[in-house]
Amino acid sequence: MASFCAIASATNCIPYSSSFSSNKSSFPNNRRKYPAVKLTCKAKNDDQRPQTTSKNDENSPGKLDRRDVLLGLGGLYSTSLAVNPMALAKPALPDFKDCIDATQPNGTPINCCPPAVGKIKDYFPSATTVRTRMAAQSFTVDSDYYKKYSTAIQKMKNLSLTDPRNFLQQANVHCAYCDGGYTQQGNPDLLYEIHNSWLFFPWHRWYLYFFEKICQNLIDDDNFALPFWNWDAPGGMQIPPMYNSVVTSPLYDFLRNPDHLPPSVINLEWSNGDVTVPPNDQIKYNLAIMYTQMITQSKTPTDFFGSPYRAGDETPEINTAGQIEQTPHNHVHSWTGTIVDPNNPIDMGVFYSAARDPIFYAHHANIDRMWTIWLNQLKGTNITDLDWLNAYFIFYNEEAKPVRVRIQDCLDTTRLGYTYEDVPIPWLDASTKPKPRTKAKTLPSAPDPIQVFPITLDKPVNVIVKRPKKSGSESSEEILVIEGIEYDKRNYVKFNVYINEDDVNACHPNNTEFLGSFSNVPHGHRMIVKTNRRFRISEVLEELGARDYDRVLVTLVPKSNPVKINGINIKFDP
């Protein structure tokens, strides 16, 4: 039988250059040339990963584990050297050898590139102790924990800007990955992005992991763990006290929305210009939103994590964000960020600067906690696709050294050395209810989608959408798809979606008729993009007593800058 290395050599493994560098020219022109690297296919016995070796002897893994290639090739492995094992798995990978300027929402270039470094080593977590990340609202400003965390952040801010552990440089890591600082490896004309796809959850998990490790190092406390902002439970639905103590605190950020400081209750479906409702009502709405997003709308890994993102894909052109990334993630960013200038938000309200606010890390710790809840309490499953498992990122560790990490190595938080405080999850019992009515509902007259779309959504639109007829080979789960949503990434964008509701002004997030929303947190580079938004509606129609309807009323209500909608369709989940 031919060896794996023979197959890899015969099929032209793509070499990988493993050094950071910065090219200040704007995408996609003036690409910097780099020396060729020497290719080897030696694999260590412990990880069985094919490697490339550059002139300075840096090790760089191939895209597939040897075990995965053997399994994927099956019988073909033993019969043909013409098979290209790399064609079986093509994860979207960032090209770190050439970092370019990212772009602010106002179109101005911004340099988020990391300081130049040398060798990049593979990193495999192997924690010996497990720390507990606690809810941020449980700490007062006179607690020992607050003193430790604020000391860590202050020390991080005091580091030289040439140190990648510096607080601003850590924020720039998010900027570079999220605002077009890198192109795709092997596809220099395509930007790489970790939002709006299945990369969202694992990238942010690794990002917080190393941020936490840097904090531990700076305060010399290996037991330190980041807090999480428990905005999914009533006790955490305000900005936690530790982030809002005094303006001189390292955890304070003066660019938060002044109208949303305590005692304001967070709105997990916030729209710019929303009228404030009584706190108890907002809490009720928030719990229903969490139930909808985590349970009703997150039935599959694709629902929860987002759609696949592979080499050659142009996100979000063919990609859709996962349910949690859309809501509540995006809305917590927008609600927290400033509205001093709605057309040019900064810090939490826009991705390039979001991580400059220390509360970003508590927000994303709770997003990460949703991943653990979805797996453990809700019995969800992780993605098993090799293109997801073998995707990798590069971060700086606590010693300011660049390390390469894979998604497959972050799936178990105990291996990473942390777990989350066991706090109540009240939204598990907060399902939505149909709006009370005094008479039986009849659908109003409205045009067919083909008569309306494409359209610029600058006012509410009603359409009657025909439901598909089920065939024996199709799933019974129906998906409402808002197709071809075109918008400018630089703008804050949001519109709400309702089903079988003739009075949207009287419909709230705890009503079944409210399906959810589409939103965009401003971020830059390629400006006009197109994507889809999906909603599961079979369970919804059952609750509304509309199981036997052959048509449904769909209403879109703009809450921000106009977007273009190209169509609405109902299809069965494949």
Protein backbone atom coordinates (compact mmCIF):
# COMPACT_ATOMS: atom_id res chain seq x y z
CA MET A 1 0.00 0.00 0.00
CA ALA A 2 1.30 3.45 -0.84
CA SER A 3 2.17 5.66 2.09
CA PHE A 4 0.22 8.77 3.00
CA CYS A 5 3.29 10.90 2.28
CA ALA A 6 3.52 9.43 -1.19
CA ILE A 7 -0.07 10.40 -1.90
CA ALA A 8 0.43 13.87 -0.44
CA SER A 9 3.56 14.43 -2.51
CA ALA A 10 1.91 13.18 -5.66
CA THR A 11 -1.00 15.53 -5.21
CA ASN A 12 0.88 18.75 -4.50
CA CYS A 13 0.28 19.62 -0.85
CA ILE A 14 0.00 23.38 -0.57
CA PRO A 15 2.85 24.85 1.51
CA TYR A 16 2.06 27.25 4.30
CA SER A 17 4.14 30.21 5.41
CA SER A 18 3.95 30.64 9.17
CA SER A 19 5.02 34.16 9.95
CA PHE A 20 3.02 37.30 10.56
CA SER A 21 3.77 40.35 8.51
CA SER A 22 1.93 43.49 7.62
CA ASN A 23 1.20 44.92 4.21
CA LYS A 24 -0.39 48.33 4.64
CA SER A 25 -1.78 48.43 1.12
CA SER A 26 -5.53 48.11 0.73
CA PHE A 27 -7.16 44.89 -0.45
CA PRO A 28 -6.71 43.40 -2.97
CA ASN A 29 -3.81 45.16 -4.73
CA ASN A 30 -0.07 45.12 -4.14
CA ARG A 31 0.14 41.69 -2.61
CA ARG A 32 3.51 41.01 -1.01
CA LYS A 33 5.62 38.18 -2.40
CA TYR A 34 7.00 35.56 -0.03
CA PRO A 35 9.75 32.99 -0.46
CA ALA A 36 8.77 29.45 -1.23
CA VAL A 37 8.79 26.95 1.60
CA LYS A 38 10.12 23.43 1.59
CA LEU A 39 7.41 20.80 1.77
CA THR A 40 7.64 17.69 3.89
CA CYS A 41 4.96 15.22 4.81
CA LYS A 42 6.36 13.92 8.05
CA ALA A 43 3.75 13.38 10.70
CA LYS A 44 4.33 13.06 14.41
CA ASN A 45 3.14 9.83 15.96
CA ASP A 46 0.98 11.60 18.50
CA ASP A 47 -1.07 13.78 16.16
CA GLN A 48 -0.56 12.20 12.71
CA ARG A 49 -0.73 15.57 10.99
CA PRO A 50 1.14 16.12 7.73
CA GLN A 51 3.51 19.06 8.00
CA THR A 52 5.31 21.59 5.90
CA THR A 53 8.66 23.02 6.83
CA SER A 54 9.86 26.50 5.93
CA LYS A 55 13.44 27.63 5.61
CA ASN A 56 13.62 28.56 9.28
CA ASP A 57 12.33 25.11 10.26
CA GLU A 58 8.92 26.25 11.38
CA ASN A 59 6.45 23.40 11.48
CA SER A 60 3.14 23.96 9.77
CA PRO A 61 0.37 21.38 9.66
CA GLY A 62 -1.54 20.32 6.61
CA LYS A 63 -5.27 20.62 6.51
CA LEU A 64 -6.17 17.04 7.43
CA ASP A 65 -5.19 14.55 10.07
CA ARG A 66 -3.73 11.38 8.54
CA ARG A 67 -6.48 9.40 10.25
CA ASP A 68 -9.11 11.61 8.63
CA VAL A 69 -7.60 11.17 5.18
CA LEU A 70 -7.51 7.38 5.54
CA LEU A 71 -11.12 7.30 6.66
CA GLY A 72 -12.22 9.71 3.97
CA LEU A 73 -10.51 7.88 1.13
CA GLY A 74 -11.80 4.45 2.11
CA GLY A 75 -11.16 1.88 -0.58
CA LEU A 76 -9.88 4.47 -3.03
CA TYR A 77 -6.86 5.02 -0.80
CA SER A 78 -5.38 1.67 -1.69
CA THR A 79 -6.08 1.81 -5.38
CA SER A 80 -5.26 5.24 -6.73
CA LEU A 81 -2.55 7.84 -6.24
CA ALA A 82 -4.57 10.17 -8.42
CA VAL A 83 -6.91 10.94 -5.54
CA ASN A 84 -6.21 14.33 -3.98
CA PRO A 85 -6.75 13.96 -0.21
CA MET A 86 -6.76 17.73 0.25
CA ALA A 87 -9.80 17.92 -2.03
CA LEU A 88 -11.77 15.99 0.58
CA ALA A 89 -11.47 18.76 3.14
CA LYS A 90 -11.07 22.43 2.34
CA PRO A 91 -11.53 24.47 5.48
CA ALA A 92 -11.49 28.23 5.02
CA LEU A 93 -8.15 29.35 6.47
CA PRO A 94 -6.75 32.84 7.04
CA ASP A 95 -3.57 33.83 5.23
CA PHE A 96 -1.34 35.21 7.98
CA LYS A 97 1.67 35.89 5.83
CA ASP A 98 0.08 39.10 4.59
CA CYS A 99 -2.07 41.25 6.87
CA ILE A 100 -3.73 44.23 5.22
CA ASP A 101 -5.56 47.30 6.49
CA ALA A 102 -9.04 46.63 7.84
CA THR A 103 -11.81 49.14 7.18
CA GLN A 104 -13.91 51.20 9.56
CA PRO A 105 -17.64 51.55 8.81
CA ASN A 106 -17.04 55.08 7.50
CA GLY A 107 -14.70 53.61 4.87
CA THR A 108 -11.48 54.81 6.50
CA PRO A 109 -8.67 52.23 6.55
CA ILE A 110 -7.40 51.15 9.96
CA ASN A 111 -4.30 49.13 10.72
CA CYS A 112 -5.29 46.23 12.98
CA CYS A 113 -2.32 44.07 12.01
CA PRO A 114 -0.39 42.40 14.83
CA PRO A 115 3.25 43.18 15.57
CA ALA A 116 5.66 41.19 13.41
CA VAL A 117 6.67 37.90 15.04
CA GLY A 118 8.67 34.83 14.15
CA LYS A 119 7.87 31.18 14.60
CA ILE A 120 4.33 29.91 15.04
CA LYS A 121 3.91 26.74 17.07
CA ASP A 122 0.97 24.38 17.27
CA TYR A 123 -0.87 24.49 20.56
CA PHE A 124 -2.80 21.67 22.22
CA PRO A 125 -4.61 22.43 25.50
CA SER A 126 -4.06 20.07 28.40
CA ALA A 127 -5.39 21.72 31.54
CA THR A 128 -4.70 20.00 34.86
CA THR A 129 -7.22 22.06 36.83
CA VAL A 130 -10.65 23.40 35.93
CA ARG A 131 -11.56 26.97 36.87
CA THR A 132 -15.12 28.25 37.15
CA ARG A 133 -16.18 31.32 35.22
CA MET A 134 -18.62 33.21 37.43
CA ALA A 135 -21.53 35.52 36.62
CA ALA A 136 -20.25 39.11 36.51
CA GLN A 137 -23.21 40.55 38.40
CA SER A 138 -22.24 38.55 41.50
CA PHE A 139 -19.12 40.69 42.06
CA THR A 140 -19.11 44.07 43.77
CA VAL A 141 -16.53 46.76 43.15
CA ASP A 142 -14.97 46.13 46.56
CA SER A 143 -14.53 42.38 45.97
CA ASP A 144 -11.14 40.72 45.66
CA TYR A 145 -12.16 39.45 42.23
CA TYR A 146 -12.85 42.96 40.94
CA LYS A 147 -9.46 44.10 42.20
CA LYS A 148 -7.72 41.20 40.47
CA TYR A 149 -9.51 41.65 37.16
CA SER A 150 -9.13 45.43 37.06
CA THR A 151 -5.43 45.01 37.89
CA ALA A 152 -5.02 42.53 35.02
CA ILE A 153 -6.72 44.87 32.53
CA GLN A 154 -4.71 47.87 33.73
CA LYS A 155 -1.46 45.93 33.38
CA MET A 156 -2.54 44.87 29.92
CA LYS A 157 -3.20 48.50 28.99
CA ASN A 158 0.21 49.51 30.36
CA LEU A 159 2.12 47.09 28.15
CA SER A 160 4.02 48.49 25.18
CA LEU A 161 2.10 48.69 21.92
CA THR A 162 4.80 46.47 20.46
CA ASP A 163 3.67 43.72 22.84
CA PRO A 164 0.82 41.68 21.29
CA ARG A 165 -0.63 41.20 24.79
CA ASN A 166 -1.29 44.94 25.06
CA PHE A 167 -5.02 45.59 25.54
CA LEU A 168 -5.39 47.55 22.30
CA GLN A 169 -3.40 44.94 20.39
CA GLN A 170 -5.70 42.24 21.77
CA ALA A 171 -8.69 44.28 20.57
CA ASN A 172 -6.99 44.56 17.19
CA VAL A 173 -6.94 40.76 16.92
CA HIS A 174 -10.74 40.90 16.75
CA CYS A 175 -10.56 43.81 14.32
CA ALA A 176 -8.20 42.02 11.92
CA TYR A 177 -10.25 38.83 11.87
CA CYS A 178 -13.62 40.59 11.62
CA ASP A 179 -13.00 43.59 9.37
CA GLY A 180 -11.03 42.20 6.48
CA GLY A 181 -7.47 42.19 7.80
CA TYR A 182 -6.75 38.81 6.22
CA THR A 183 -7.50 37.09 2.95
CA GLN A 184 -8.25 33.40 2.54
CA GLN A 185 -5.29 31.11 2.24
CA GLY A 186 -5.12 30.00 -1.38
CA ASN A 187 -7.74 32.57 -2.43
CA PRO A 188 -6.04 35.98 -2.29
CA ASP A 189 -9.01 37.76 -3.87
CA LEU A 190 -11.37 36.68 -1.09
CA LEU A 191 -11.44 38.21 2.37
CA TYR A 192 -11.48 35.98 5.43
CA GLU A 193 -14.07 36.59 8.14
CA ILE A 194 -15.13 34.73 11.26
CA HIS A 195 -18.66 36.13 11.51
CA ASN A 196 -21.80 34.92 9.71
CA SER A 197 -20.73 31.29 9.55
CA TRP A 198 -19.83 28.21 11.59
CA LEU A 199 -16.50 29.80 12.60
CA PHE A 200 -18.20 32.28 14.94
CA PHE A 201 -18.43 30.16 18.10
CA PRO A 202 -15.04 28.38 18.04
CA TRP A 203 -13.04 31.46 17.02
CA HIS A 204 -14.40 33.49 19.93
CA ARG A 205 -13.87 30.58 22.33
CA TRP A 206 -10.18 30.46 21.48
CA TYR A 207 -9.95 34.26 21.57
CA LEU A 208 -11.31 34.42 25.13
CA TYR A 209 -9.15 31.48 26.17
CA PHE A 210 -5.92 33.30 25.38
CA PHE A 211 -7.20 36.61 26.73
CA GLU A 212 -7.87 34.79 30.00
CA LYS A 213 -4.40 33.21 29.94
CA ILE A 214 -2.82 36.64 29.48
CA CYS A 215 -4.76 37.97 32.48
CA GLN A 216 -3.57 35.02 34.58
CA ASN A 217 0.02 35.67 33.58
CA LEU A 218 -0.06 39.39 34.33
CA ILE A 219 -1.45 38.96 37.85
CA ASP A 220 0.43 35.69 38.48
CA ASP A 221 -2.75 33.75 39.26
CA ASP A 222 -3.41 30.56 37.31
CA ASN A 223 -6.79 30.21 39.01
CA PHE A 224 -8.19 33.44 37.59
CA ALA A 225 -11.18 33.02 35.26
CA LEU A 226 -13.07 35.54 33.16
CA PRO A 227 -16.60 36.53 34.24
CA PHE A 228 -19.66 36.12 32.04
CA TRP A 229 -22.38 38.72 31.58
CA ASN A 230 -25.51 36.76 32.47
CA TRP A 231 -27.88 38.81 30.26
CA ASP A 232 -30.11 35.76 29.71
CA ALA A 233 -31.43 35.82 33.31
CA PRO A 234 -33.23 38.65 35.15
CA GLY A 235 -30.41 39.22 37.65
CA GLY A 236 -27.95 39.89 34.85
CA MET A 237 -30.08 42.00 32.51
CA GLN A 238 -28.24 45.21 33.35
CA ILE A 239 -24.64 46.24 32.79
CA PRO A 240 -22.91 44.55 35.76
CA PRO A 241 -21.68 46.88 38.55
CA MET A 242 -18.03 45.93 38.05
CA TYR A 243 -18.12 47.53 34.59
CA ASN A 244 -19.91 50.68 35.71
CA SER A 245 -18.24 51.70 38.97
CA VAL A 246 -16.10 54.79 38.38
CA VAL A 247 -14.84 56.37 35.17
CA THR A 248 -11.24 55.78 36.26
CA SER A 249 -11.75 52.00 36.46
CA PRO A 250 -9.92 49.95 33.80
CA LEU A 251 -13.23 48.13 33.23
CA TYR A 252 -15.17 51.30 32.46
CA ASP A 253 -15.81 52.50 28.90
CA PHE A 254 -17.24 55.97 28.36
CA LEU A 255 -18.41 55.09 24.84
CA ARG A 256 -21.32 52.94 26.00
CA ASN A 257 -24.82 54.13 25.29
CA PRO A 258 -25.58 56.56 28.15
CA ASP A 259 -29.29 55.73 27.93
CA HIS A 260 -28.57 52.08 28.68
CA LEU A 261 -26.57 52.37 31.87
CA PRO A 262 -28.05 50.85 35.05
CA PRO A 263 -30.83 50.55 36.00
CA SER A 264 -31.82 50.13 32.33
CA VAL A 265 -32.77 46.55 31.45
CA ILE A 266 -31.15 45.18 28.31
CA ASN A 267 -33.31 44.59 25.24
CA LEU A 268 -32.16 41.40 23.49
CA GLU A 269 -34.06 42.43 20.33
CA TRP A 270 -33.04 46.08 20.51
CA SER A 271 -33.64 48.37 17.55
CA ASN A 272 -32.24 51.88 17.27
CA GLY A 273 -35.08 54.14 18.39
CA ASP A 274 -37.05 51.52 20.34
CA VAL A 275 -39.33 52.89 23.05
CA THR A 276 -38.37 51.74 26.55
CA VAL A 277 -40.91 49.41 28.14
CA PRO A 278 -41.42 48.66 31.86
CA PRO A 279 -38.60 46.49 33.27
CA ASN A 280 -40.82 43.51 34.06
CA ASP A 281 -42.17 43.50 30.51
CA GLN A 282 -38.66 43.70 29.05
CA ILE A 283 -37.50 40.81 31.21
CA LYS A 284 -40.47 38.76 30.01
CA TYR A 285 -39.65 39.58 26.39
CA ASN A 286 -35.96 38.73 26.87
CA LEU A 287 -36.72 35.30 28.31
CA ALA A 288 -39.05 34.53 25.40
CA ILE A 289 -36.37 35.65 22.93
CA MET A 290 -33.87 33.27 24.52
CA TYR A 291 -36.34 30.37 24.33
CA THR A 292 -37.08 31.12 20.69
CA GLN A 293 -33.44 31.37 19.65
CA MET A 294 -32.03 28.50 21.71
CA ILE A 295 -34.91 26.03 21.39
CA THR A 296 -37.51 26.82 18.72
CA GLN A 297 -35.05 28.04 16.09
CA SER A 298 -31.96 25.94 16.98
CA LYS A 299 -32.89 22.38 16.05
CA THR A 300 -29.72 21.45 14.17
CA PRO A 301 -26.00 22.30 14.33
CA THR A 302 -26.41 24.52 11.25
CA ASP A 303 -29.20 26.44 12.99
CA PHE A 304 -27.07 26.99 16.06
CA PHE A 305 -23.54 27.47 14.69
CA GLY A 306 -24.27 28.93 11.25
CA SER A 307 -23.74 27.64 7.75
CA PRO A 308 -20.51 26.09 6.43
CA TYR A 309 -17.64 28.32 5.35
CA ARG A 310 -15.10 26.56 3.15
CA ALA A 311 -12.11 27.58 1.08
CA GLY A 312 -13.32 29.67 -1.85
CA ASP A 313 -16.56 30.75 -0.18
CA GLU A 314 -17.29 34.44 -0.02
CA THR A 315 -18.93 35.14 3.32
CA PRO A 316 -21.64 36.19 3.79
CA GLU A 317 -22.54 35.87 0.11
CA ILE A 318 -23.64 32.27 0.51
CA ASN A 319 -23.46 31.99 4.28
CA THR A 320 -25.99 32.59 7.01
CA ALA A 321 -25.21 33.35 10.62
CA GLY A 322 -26.33 31.01 13.37
CA GLN A 323 -29.40 31.88 15.39
CA ILE A 324 -27.46 33.00 18.48
CA GLU A 325 -25.05 35.15 16.48
CA GLN A 326 -28.01 37.00 15.00
CA THR A 327 -29.93 37.24 18.28
CA PRO A 328 -28.98 37.97 21.03
CA HIS A 329 -25.31 38.46 20.08
CA ASN A 330 -25.74 41.30 17.59
CA HIS A 331 -28.32 43.13 19.66
CA VAL A 332 -26.21 43.09 22.83
CA HIS A 333 -23.44 44.75 20.82
CA SER A 334 -25.80 47.39 19.42
CA TRP A 335 -27.62 48.03 22.71
CA THR A 336 -24.36 48.49 24.63
CA GLY A 337 -22.54 50.64 22.06
CA THR A 338 -22.76 54.38 21.78
CA ILE A 339 -25.33 56.30 19.74
CA VAL A 340 -23.49 59.62 19.87
CA ASP A 341 -23.18 59.27 16.10
CA PRO A 342 -25.54 56.52 14.85
CA ASN A 343 -23.87 56.59 11.42
CA ASN A 344 -20.40 55.98 12.85
CA PRO A 345 -20.73 53.91 16.04
CA ILE A 346 -17.63 52.84 17.92
CA ASP A 347 -16.57 50.35 20.58
CA MET A 348 -19.26 47.72 21.26
CA GLY A 349 -21.54 49.09 18.53
CA VAL A 350 -19.16 48.15 15.70
CA PHE A 351 -16.88 45.14 15.24
CA TYR A 352 -13.54 46.86 14.55
CA SER A 353 -13.55 48.51 18.00
CA ALA A 354 -15.89 46.22 19.99
CA ALA A 355 -13.11 44.48 21.94
CA ARG A 356 -11.81 47.84 23.20
CA ASP A 357 -14.63 47.72 25.75
CA PRO A 358 -13.77 45.24 28.54
CA ILE A 359 -17.42 44.20 28.73
CA PHE A 360 -16.95 42.58 25.30
CA TYR A 361 -15.20 39.64 26.94
CA ALA A 362 -17.99 39.12 29.48
CA HIS A 363 -20.56 39.33 26.69
CA HIS A 364 -18.76 36.69 24.64
CA ALA A 365 -18.19 34.50 27.67
CA ASN A 366 -21.97 34.28 27.94
CA ILE A 367 -22.22 33.56 24.21
CA ASP A 368 -19.71 30.75 24.79
CA ARG A 369 -21.82 29.58 27.73
CA MET A 370 -24.78 29.27 25.33
CA TRP A 371 -22.71 26.71 23.43
CA THR A 372 -22.29 24.61 26.58
CA ILE A 373 -26.00 24.93 27.41
CA TRP A 374 -27.00 23.89 23.89
CA LEU A 375 -24.84 20.77 24.16
CA ASN A 376 -25.55 19.80 27.76
CA GLN A 377 -29.05 20.93 28.72
CA LEU A 378 -30.58 20.99 25.23
CA LYS A 379 -28.74 17.89 23.94
CA GLY A 380 -27.45 19.55 20.80
CA THR A 381 -24.44 18.18 18.95
CA ASN A 382 -21.24 19.67 17.59
CA ILE A 383 -20.50 19.79 13.89
CA THR A 384 -18.65 16.71 12.62
CA ASP A 385 -17.61 18.09 9.22
CA LEU A 386 -13.83 17.88 8.74
CA ASP A 387 -13.76 21.34 7.19
CA TRP A 388 -14.94 22.68 10.55
CA LEU A 389 -12.84 20.46 12.79
CA ASN A 390 -9.61 21.10 10.87
CA ALA A 391 -10.00 24.86 10.51
CA TYR A 392 -7.39 26.74 12.51
CA PHE A 393 -6.62 30.21 13.82
CA ILE A 394 -3.55 31.95 15.21
CA PHE A 395 -3.49 33.83 18.50
CA TYR A 396 -0.89 35.13 20.94
CA ASN A 397 -0.37 33.19 24.14
CA GLU A 398 0.44 34.55 27.59
CA GLU A 399 4.14 34.68 26.66
CA ALA A 400 3.43 36.90 23.63
CA LYS A 401 4.20 34.00 21.29
CA PRO A 402 2.00 33.16 18.29
CA VAL A 403 0.32 29.77 18.40
CA ARG A 404 -1.85 27.86 15.96
CA VAL A 405 -5.02 26.24 17.28
CA ARG A 406 -7.69 24.06 15.71
CA ILE A 407 -11.42 23.94 16.27
CA GLN A 408 -11.25 20.22 17.08
CA ASP A 409 -9.12 21.03 20.15
CA CYS A 410 -11.55 23.48 21.78
CA LEU A 411 -14.71 21.37 21.92
CA ASP A 412 -14.21 20.26 25.53
CA THR A 413 -14.01 23.23 27.91
CA THR A 414 -12.50 21.09 30.67
CA ARG A 415 -9.50 20.47 28.41
CA LEU A 416 -9.27 24.23 28.16
CA GLY A 417 -9.40 24.44 31.94
CA TYR A 418 -12.73 26.11 32.61
CA THR A 419 -16.41 25.57 33.20
CA TYR A 420 -19.31 27.89 33.98
CA GLU A 421 -21.04 28.63 37.24
CA ASP A 422 -24.26 26.64 37.54
CA VAL A 423 -26.86 29.40 37.60
CA PRO A 424 -30.62 29.21 36.94
CA ILE A 425 -31.74 29.22 33.30
CA PRO A 426 -35.27 30.66 33.53
CA TRP A 427 -35.81 30.89 29.76
CA LEU A 428 -36.02 27.10 29.50
CA ASP A 429 -39.69 27.51 30.49
CA ALA A 430 -40.40 30.78 28.66
CA SER A 431 -41.96 29.61 25.41
CA THR A 432 -43.89 32.15 23.37
CA LYS A 433 -47.69 32.24 23.28
CA PRO A 434 -50.04 33.28 20.47
CA LYS A 435 -51.42 36.77 20.88
CA PRO A 436 -54.85 36.75 22.59
CA ARG A 437 -57.69 37.39 20.16
CA THR A 438 -61.38 38.07 20.52
CA LYS A 439 -62.28 36.38 17.24
CA ALA A 440 -60.92 33.76 14.89
CA LYS A 441 -58.07 34.96 12.74
CA THR A 442 -58.53 35.34 9.01
CA LEU A 443 -55.64 36.27 6.79
CA PRO A 444 -55.92 39.71 5.20
CA SER A 445 -55.47 40.11 1.49
CA ALA A 446 -51.89 40.68 0.40
CA PRO A 447 -49.90 40.17 -2.80
CA ASP A 448 -47.85 37.16 -3.76
CA PRO A 449 -44.06 37.56 -3.21
CA ILE A 450 -43.39 37.50 -6.95
CA GLN A 451 -45.50 40.66 -7.26
CA VAL A 452 -43.50 42.49 -4.59
CA PHE A 453 -39.87 41.43 -4.72
CA PRO A 454 -37.21 42.57 -5.27
CA ILE A 455 -37.91 45.61 -3.13
CA THR A 456 -36.09 48.16 -1.00
CA LEU A 457 -37.48 47.64 2.48
CA ASP A 458 -38.12 51.20 3.61
CA LYS A 459 -41.63 50.56 4.96
CA PRO A 460 -43.57 47.51 6.25
CA VAL A 461 -44.37 44.90 3.61
CA ASN A 462 -47.05 42.17 3.71
CA VAL A 463 -47.05 39.15 1.41
CA ILE A 464 -49.02 35.92 1.28
CA VAL A 465 -46.59 33.01 0.86
CA LYS A 466 -47.72 29.66 -0.46
CA ARG A 467 -46.59 26.63 1.53
CA PRO A 468 -44.95 23.74 -0.36
CA LYS A 469 -46.57 20.37 -0.67
CA LYS A 470 -44.72 17.63 1.14
CA SER A 471 -43.38 14.68 -0.82
CA GLY A 472 -42.36 11.37 0.65
CA SER A 473 -38.65 12.16 0.51
CA GLU A 474 -38.82 15.56 2.19
CA SER A 475 -38.69 16.55 5.82
CA SER A 476 -41.86 17.85 7.39
CA GLU A 477 -39.97 20.79 8.92
CA GLU A 478 -40.74 23.96 7.01
CA ILE A 479 -38.25 26.82 6.73
CA LEU A 480 -39.22 30.38 5.89
CA VAL A 481 -36.34 31.91 3.94
CA ILE A 482 -35.88 35.65 3.44
CA GLU A 483 -33.82 35.48 0.26
CA GLY A 484 -31.16 37.77 -1.14
CA ILE A 485 -30.90 40.31 1.67
CA GLU A 486 -28.63 43.00 0.23
CA TYR A 487 -27.19 45.64 2.54
CA ASP A 488 -24.19 47.83 3.20
CA LYS A 489 -21.97 46.22 5.85
CA ARG A 490 -20.93 49.66 7.08
CA ASN A 491 -24.46 50.35 8.32
CA TYR A 492 -26.45 49.23 11.30
CA VAL A 493 -29.22 47.10 9.78
CA LYS A 494 -32.28 45.48 11.31
CA PHE A 495 -35.74 44.37 10.26
CA ASN A 496 -38.34 42.30 12.11
CA VAL A 497 -40.26 39.33 10.74
CA TYR A 498 -43.82 38.35 11.69
CA ILE A 499 -46.06 35.50 10.59
CA ASN A 500 -49.87 35.53 10.44
CA GLU A 501 -49.98 38.86 12.28
CA ASP A 502 -52.18 41.69 11.01
CA ASP A 503 -51.25 44.20 13.74
CA VAL A 504 -47.48 44.13 14.27
CA ASN A 505 -47.57 47.18 16.55
CA ALA A 506 -49.46 45.11 19.12
CA CYS A 507 -47.20 42.07 18.76
CA HIS A 508 -44.27 41.53 21.14
CA PRO A 509 -41.29 39.14 21.31
CA ASN A 510 -43.18 36.84 23.68
CA ASN A 511 -45.89 36.35 21.04
CA THR A 512 -45.54 33.38 18.70
CA GLU A 513 -46.37 35.59 15.72
CA PHE A 514 -43.01 37.36 16.16
CA LEU A 515 -40.50 35.12 14.37
CA GLY A 516 -37.41 37.23 15.01
CA SER A 517 -35.21 39.61 13.10
CA PHE A 518 -32.27 40.10 10.80
CA SER A 519 -29.49 42.42 11.94
CA ASN A 520 -26.00 43.59 11.05
CA VAL A 521 -23.40 45.08 13.38
CA PRO A 522 -21.37 47.51 11.23
CA HIS A 523 -18.05 46.23 9.94
CA GLY A 524 -16.00 47.08 6.92
CA HIS A 525 -14.19 46.23 3.69
CA ARG A 526 -16.43 44.74 1.00
CA MET A 527 -19.47 46.90 1.50
CA ILE A 528 -22.54 45.60 -0.38
CA VAL A 529 -23.22 41.97 0.50
CA LYS A 530 -26.04 39.49 0.05
CA THR A 531 -27.23 36.78 2.42
CA ASN A 532 -30.34 34.88 3.57
CA ARG A 533 -32.24 34.60 6.86
CA ARG A 534 -33.98 31.37 7.86
CA PHE A 535 -36.79 30.72 10.35
CA ARG A 536 -38.26 27.37 11.34
CA ILE A 537 -42.06 27.68 11.18
CA SER A 538 -43.62 24.21 11.53
CA GLU A 539 -43.84 24.41 15.32
CA VAL A 540 -44.89 28.06 15.09
CA LEU A 541 -47.79 27.30 12.73
CA GLU A 542 -48.89 24.46 14.99
CA GLU A 543 -49.05 26.84 17.96
CA LEU A 544 -50.98 29.38 15.89
CA GLY A 545 -53.54 26.80 14.82
CA ALA A 546 -52.46 27.22 11.20
CA ARG A 547 -51.16 23.74 10.50
CA ASP A 548 -53.67 23.19 7.69
CA TYR A 549 -53.32 26.61 6.07
CA ASP A 550 -51.98 26.40 2.53
CA ARG A 551 -50.69 29.98 2.72
CA VAL A 552 -49.28 32.22 5.43
CA LEU A 553 -49.01 35.97 5.90
CA VAL A 554 -45.44 37.25 6.28
CA THR A 555 -44.71 40.82 7.36
CA LEU A 556 -41.32 42.54 7.22
CA VAL A 557 -40.86 45.72 9.27
CA PRO A 558 -37.71 47.83 8.77
CA LYS A 559 -36.10 49.16 11.95
CA SER A 560 -33.00 50.82 10.48
CA ASN A 561 -31.32 51.77 7.23
CA PRO A 562 -33.13 50.30 4.20
CA VAL A 563 -32.13 46.91 2.83
CA LYS A 564 -33.02 45.21 -0.42
CA ILE A 565 -34.99 41.96 -0.26
CA ASN A 566 -35.05 39.72 -3.32
CA GLY A 567 -37.68 37.21 -2.27
CA ILE A 568 -39.46 35.11 0.34
CA ASN A 569 -39.95 31.39 0.07
CA ILE A 570 -40.96 28.42 2.20
CA LYS A 571 -39.08 25.17 1.73
CA PHE A 572 -38.55 21.93 3.57
CA ASP A 573 -35.43 21.48 5.62
CA PRO A 574 -33.19 19.14 3.60
